[in-house]
Amino acid sequence: MLQTLSEPIDALVIYRRGAPHPLLHAFRWKNRRYDVTAIHLVHEEHEGETQYLCYSLDCSGETFYVRLNTKRGLWTLEAIDTGSP
């Protein structure tokens, strides 16, 4: 079941020289830490002059959709897919 949120999160990110995008290692949402176990997809979106990096990732069996506003450096949890109907 997909739950849409659009809530701010704190992100633990690794910036590697030559990497096409920052590697999201973990994030904190509602005072809980989520460790990223797999990143499935990262793609770009644009709204006007603002570029976003959109991540689809796994944390403990759940799929999370996270977005980075590259202009402001803000991370947002957009949605959670728990996999159950």
C-alpha atoms as a PDB file:
ATOM      1  CA  MET A   1       0.000   0.000   0.000  1.00  0.00           C
ATOM      2  CA  LEU A   2       1.403   3.380  -1.035  1.00  0.00           C
ATOM      3  CA  GLN A   3       1.192   6.128   1.577  1.00  0.00           C
ATOM      4  CA  THR A   4       2.032   9.640   0.307  1.00  0.00           C
ATOM      5  CA  LEU A   5       3.597  12.044   2.806  1.00  0.00           C
ATOM      6  CA  SER A   6       5.824  14.894   1.555  1.00  0.00           C
ATOM      7  CA  GLU A   7       7.484  15.391   4.980  1.00  0.00           C
ATOM      8  CA  PRO A   8      10.983  16.774   5.663  1.00  0.00           C
ATOM      9  CA  ILE A   9      13.694  14.340   6.793  1.00  0.00           C
ATOM     10  CA  ASP A  10      17.296  14.501   7.978  1.00  0.00           C
ATOM     11  CA  ALA A  11      19.661  12.596   5.689  1.00  0.00           C
ATOM     12  CA  LEU A  12      23.040  10.924   6.202  1.00  0.00           C
ATOM     13  CA  VAL A  13      24.647  11.192   2.777  1.00  0.00           C
ATOM     14  CA  ILE A  14      27.965  10.125   1.271  1.00  0.00           C
ATOM     15  CA  TYR A  15      29.387  12.296  -1.487  1.00  0.00           C
ATOM     16  CA  ARG A  16      31.855  10.261  -3.545  1.00  0.00           C
ATOM     17  CA  ARG A  17      34.180  11.854  -6.047  1.00  0.00           C
ATOM     18  CA  GLY A  18      32.945  10.991  -9.543  1.00  0.00           C
ATOM     19  CA  ALA A  19      29.592   9.582  -8.387  1.00  0.00           C
ATOM     20  CA  PRO A  20      26.601  10.793 -10.427  1.00  0.00           C
ATOM     21  CA  HIS A  21      24.579  11.614  -7.290  1.00  0.00           C
ATOM     22  CA  PRO A  22      24.907  11.651  -3.477  1.00  0.00           C
ATOM     23  CA  LEU A  23      24.559   8.197  -1.890  1.00  0.00           C
ATOM     24  CA  LEU A  24      21.825   8.173   0.731  1.00  0.00           C
ATOM     25  CA  HIS A  25      23.088   5.985   3.582  1.00  0.00           C
ATOM     26  CA  ALA A  26      20.366   6.589   6.209  1.00  0.00           C
ATOM     27  CA  PHE A  27      17.674   9.090   7.134  1.00  0.00           C
ATOM     28  CA  ARG A  28      15.765  10.170  10.239  1.00  0.00           C
ATOM     29  CA  TRP A  29      12.008  10.614  10.158  1.00  0.00           C
ATOM     30  CA  LYS A  30       9.793  11.114  13.220  1.00  0.00           C
ATOM     31  CA  ASN A  31      12.716  10.473  15.601  1.00  0.00           C
ATOM     32  CA  ARG A  32      13.494   7.096  14.034  1.00  0.00           C
ATOM     33  CA  ARG A  33      16.557   6.204  11.965  1.00  0.00           C
ATOM     34  CA  TYR A  34      16.120   4.210   8.756  1.00  0.00           C
ATOM     35  CA  ASP A  35      19.236   2.551   7.307  1.00  0.00           C
ATOM     36  CA  VAL A  36      19.167   2.219   3.523  1.00  0.00           C
ATOM     37  CA  THR A  37      19.698  -1.394   2.454  1.00  0.00           C
ATOM     38  CA  ALA A  38      19.353  -0.825  -1.318  1.00  0.00           C
ATOM     39  CA  ILE A  39      18.913   2.050  -3.758  1.00  0.00           C
ATOM     40  CA  HIS A  40      16.793   0.954  -6.719  1.00  0.00           C
ATOM     41  CA  LEU A  41      16.570   4.077  -8.814  1.00  0.00           C
ATOM     42  CA  VAL A  42      17.703   7.688  -8.847  1.00  0.00           C
ATOM     43  CA  HIS A  43      16.313  10.081 -11.450  1.00  0.00           C
ATOM     44  CA  GLU A  44      16.067  13.825 -12.007  1.00  0.00           C
ATOM     45  CA  GLU A  45      12.965  15.978 -12.056  1.00  0.00           C
ATOM     46  CA  HIS A  46      12.730  19.700 -12.776  1.00  0.00           C
ATOM     47  CA  GLU A  47      10.225  22.294 -11.601  1.00  0.00           C
ATOM     48  CA  GLY A  48      11.159  25.598 -13.174  1.00  0.00           C
ATOM     49  CA  GLU A  49      14.828  26.201 -12.399  1.00  0.00           C
ATOM     50  CA  THR A  50      14.861  23.781  -9.456  1.00  0.00           C
ATOM     51  CA  GLN A  51      16.375  20.334  -9.962  1.00  0.00           C
ATOM     52  CA  TYR A  52      15.295  17.418  -7.781  1.00  0.00           C
ATOM     53  CA  LEU A  53      16.935  14.036  -7.359  1.00  0.00           C
ATOM     54  CA  CYS A  54      14.320  11.359  -6.686  1.00  0.00           C
ATOM     55  CA  TYR A  55      15.337   8.130  -4.967  1.00  0.00           C
ATOM     56  CA  SER A  56      13.536   4.793  -4.698  1.00  0.00           C
ATOM     57  CA  LEU A  57      15.126   2.777  -1.893  1.00  0.00           C
ATOM     58  CA  ASP A  58      14.650  -0.083   0.567  1.00  0.00           C
ATOM     59  CA  CYS A  59      14.872   0.069   4.339  1.00  0.00           C
ATOM     60  CA  SER A  60      14.041  -3.093   6.310  1.00  0.00           C
ATOM     61  CA  GLY A  61      11.678  -4.514   3.699  1.00  0.00           C
ATOM     62  CA  GLU A  62       9.776  -1.306   2.969  1.00  0.00           C
ATOM     63  CA  THR A  63      10.220   0.864  -0.115  1.00  0.00           C
ATOM     64  CA  PHE A  64      10.657   4.598   0.432  1.00  0.00           C
ATOM     65  CA  TYR A  65      10.498   7.410  -2.117  1.00  0.00           C
ATOM     66  CA  VAL A  66      12.752  10.324  -1.164  1.00  0.00           C
ATOM     67  CA  ARG A  67      13.444  13.593  -2.973  1.00  0.00           C
ATOM     68  CA  LEU A  68      16.369  16.027  -2.727  1.00  0.00           C
ATOM     69  CA  ASN A  69      15.920  19.679  -3.663  1.00  0.00           C
ATOM     70  CA  THR A  70      19.430  20.272  -5.036  1.00  0.00           C
ATOM     71  CA  LYS A  71      19.057  24.061  -4.982  1.00  0.00           C
ATOM     72  CA  ARG A  72      18.197  24.262  -1.264  1.00  0.00           C
ATOM     73  CA  GLY A  73      19.710  20.982  -0.020  1.00  0.00           C
ATOM     74  CA  LEU A  74      16.393  19.848   1.467  1.00  0.00           C
ATOM     75  CA  TRP A  75      15.414  16.170   1.715  1.00  0.00           C
ATOM     76  CA  THR A  76      11.759  15.104   1.694  1.00  0.00           C
ATOM     77  CA  LEU A  77      10.111  11.743   2.292  1.00  0.00           C
ATOM     78  CA  GLU A  78       7.520  11.629  -0.479  1.00  0.00           C
ATOM     79  CA  ALA A  79       5.950   8.190   0.010  1.00  0.00           C
ATOM     80  CA  ILE A  80       6.238   4.758   1.623  1.00  0.00           C
ATOM     81  CA  ASP A  81       5.234   1.472  -0.016  1.00  0.00           C
ATOM     82  CA  THR A  82       4.701  -1.177   2.658  1.00  0.00           C
ATOM     83  CA  GLY A  83       3.961  -3.859   0.070  1.00  0.00           C
ATOM     84  CA  SER A  84       0.716  -4.979   1.710  1.00  0.00           C
ATOM     85  CA  PRO A  85      -2.674  -4.108   0.166  1.00  0.00           C
END
